[in-house]
Protein backbone atom coordinates (compact mmCIF):
# COMPACT_ATOMS: atom_id res chain seq x y z
CA UNK A 1 111.42 98.52 100.46
CA UNK A 2 108.86 97.55 103.44
CA UNK A 3 109.32 94.23 105.15
CA UNK A 4 106.41 92.55 103.54
CA UNK A 5 107.77 93.36 100.23
CA UNK A 6 111.03 92.00 101.27
CA UNK A 7 109.22 88.81 102.61
CA UNK A 8 107.53 88.38 99.36
CA UNK A 9 110.87 88.77 97.27
CA UNK A 10 112.34 86.03 99.61
CA UNK A 11 109.31 83.67 99.11
CA UNK A 12 109.96 83.94 95.42
CA UNK A 13 113.53 83.19 95.58
CA UNK A 14 112.86 80.44 97.95
CA UNK A 15 110.56 78.77 95.54
CA UNK A 16 113.18 79.33 92.55
CA UNK A 17 115.98 78.05 94.57
CA UNK A 18 114.18 74.76 95.76
CA UNK A 19 114.64 72.91 92.50
CA UNK A 20 118.44 74.07 91.79
CA UNK A 21 121.64 72.26 92.32
CA UNK A 22 123.08 73.04 95.69
CA UNK A 23 125.80 75.49 94.57
CA UNK A 24 123.15 77.53 92.66
CA UNK A 25 120.86 77.42 95.49
CA UNK A 26 123.41 78.34 98.01
CA UNK A 27 124.05 81.69 95.93
CA UNK A 28 120.59 82.60 96.08
CA UNK A 29 120.30 82.02 99.84
CA UNK A 30 123.56 84.04 100.32
CA UNK A 31 122.17 86.89 98.34
CA UNK A 32 118.91 86.93 100.50
CA UNK A 33 120.71 87.67 103.69
CA UNK A 34 120.85 91.32 102.46
CA UNK A 35 116.97 91.43 102.25
CA UNK A 36 117.15 90.27 105.89
CA UNK A 37 118.36 93.23 107.46
CA UNK A 38 115.79 95.53 109.26
CA UNK A 39 115.74 99.03 108.33
CA UNK A 40 113.82 100.45 111.28
CA UNK A 41 113.29 99.23 114.64
CA UNK A 42 109.98 97.29 114.19
CA UNK A 43 107.51 95.64 116.74
CA UNK A 44 108.66 92.45 118.36
CA UNK A 45 106.48 90.31 116.10
CA UNK A 46 107.81 91.39 112.97
CA UNK A 47 111.48 91.09 114.21
CA UNK A 48 110.78 87.49 115.67
CA UNK A 49 109.09 86.80 112.12
CA UNK A 50 112.06 88.09 110.35
CA UNK A 51 114.38 86.20 112.88
CA UNK A 52 112.45 82.82 112.16
CA UNK A 53 113.01 83.52 108.45
CA UNK A 54 116.68 84.16 108.49
CA UNK A 55 117.13 80.95 111.04
CA UNK A 56 114.96 78.80 108.41
CA UNK A 57 117.13 79.94 105.39
CA UNK A 58 120.45 79.37 107.51
CA UNK A 59 119.16 75.70 108.24
CA UNK A 60 118.75 75.12 104.49
CA UNK A 61 122.26 76.52 103.74
CA UNK A 62 123.66 74.24 106.57
CA UNK A 63 121.84 71.25 105.09
CA UNK A 64 123.06 71.99 101.50
CA UNK A 65 126.73 72.39 102.75
CA UNK A 66 126.70 68.92 104.31
CA UNK A 67 124.71 67.35 101.26
CA UNK A 68 122.04 66.56 103.56
CA UNK A 69 117.99 66.26 102.62
CA UNK A 70 116.49 69.85 102.60
CA UNK A 71 113.05 68.68 101.35
CA UNK A 72 111.26 69.62 104.64
CA UNK A 73 113.57 72.70 105.14
CA UNK A 74 112.24 74.60 101.98
CA UNK A 75 108.65 74.42 103.14
CA UNK A 76 109.58 75.56 106.64
CA UNK A 77 111.39 78.53 105.14
CA UNK A 78 108.63 79.29 102.86
CA UNK A 79 105.95 79.19 105.81
CA UNK A 80 108.16 81.52 107.87
CA UNK A 81 108.73 84.05 105.24
CA UNK A 82 104.94 84.05 104.55
CA UNK A 83 104.28 84.54 108.31
CA UNK A 84 106.66 87.35 108.26
CA UNK A 85 104.98 89.00 105.01
CA UNK A 86 101.69 88.54 107.01
CA UNK A 87 102.87 89.99 110.14
CA UNK A 88 104.66 92.97 108.46
CA UNK A 89 101.67 93.70 106.26
CA UNK A 90 99.47 94.00 109.14
CA UNK A 91 102.06 96.32 110.94
CA UNK A 92 102.20 98.36 108.02
CA UNK A 93 98.39 98.57 107.58
CA UNK A 94 98.45 100.03 111.33
CA UNK A 95 101.06 102.48 110.49
CA UNK A 96 99.12 103.78 107.63
CA UNK A 97 96.03 104.24 109.62
CA UNK A 98 97.85 106.42 112.19
């Protein structure tokens, strides 16, 4: 699965988990960590976007564990995943042209 496909799946999962009770959302967030692994060495911009997505997801999980508000954190994580998808898509397009 390409990085842009992983990012797309993460966006869908985040959108689905956003309205769920904390324990259900945490289960989904934990499952997302498997998608966060990189298969190959990627350009720095892609690695950075993936790392930012991972950190944003961790912030949601931390807030859920502490029963703190998460409203703004979901949007931050979705934005980070969208950036990862965009950056990865450009990188994949460049590799295809070579």
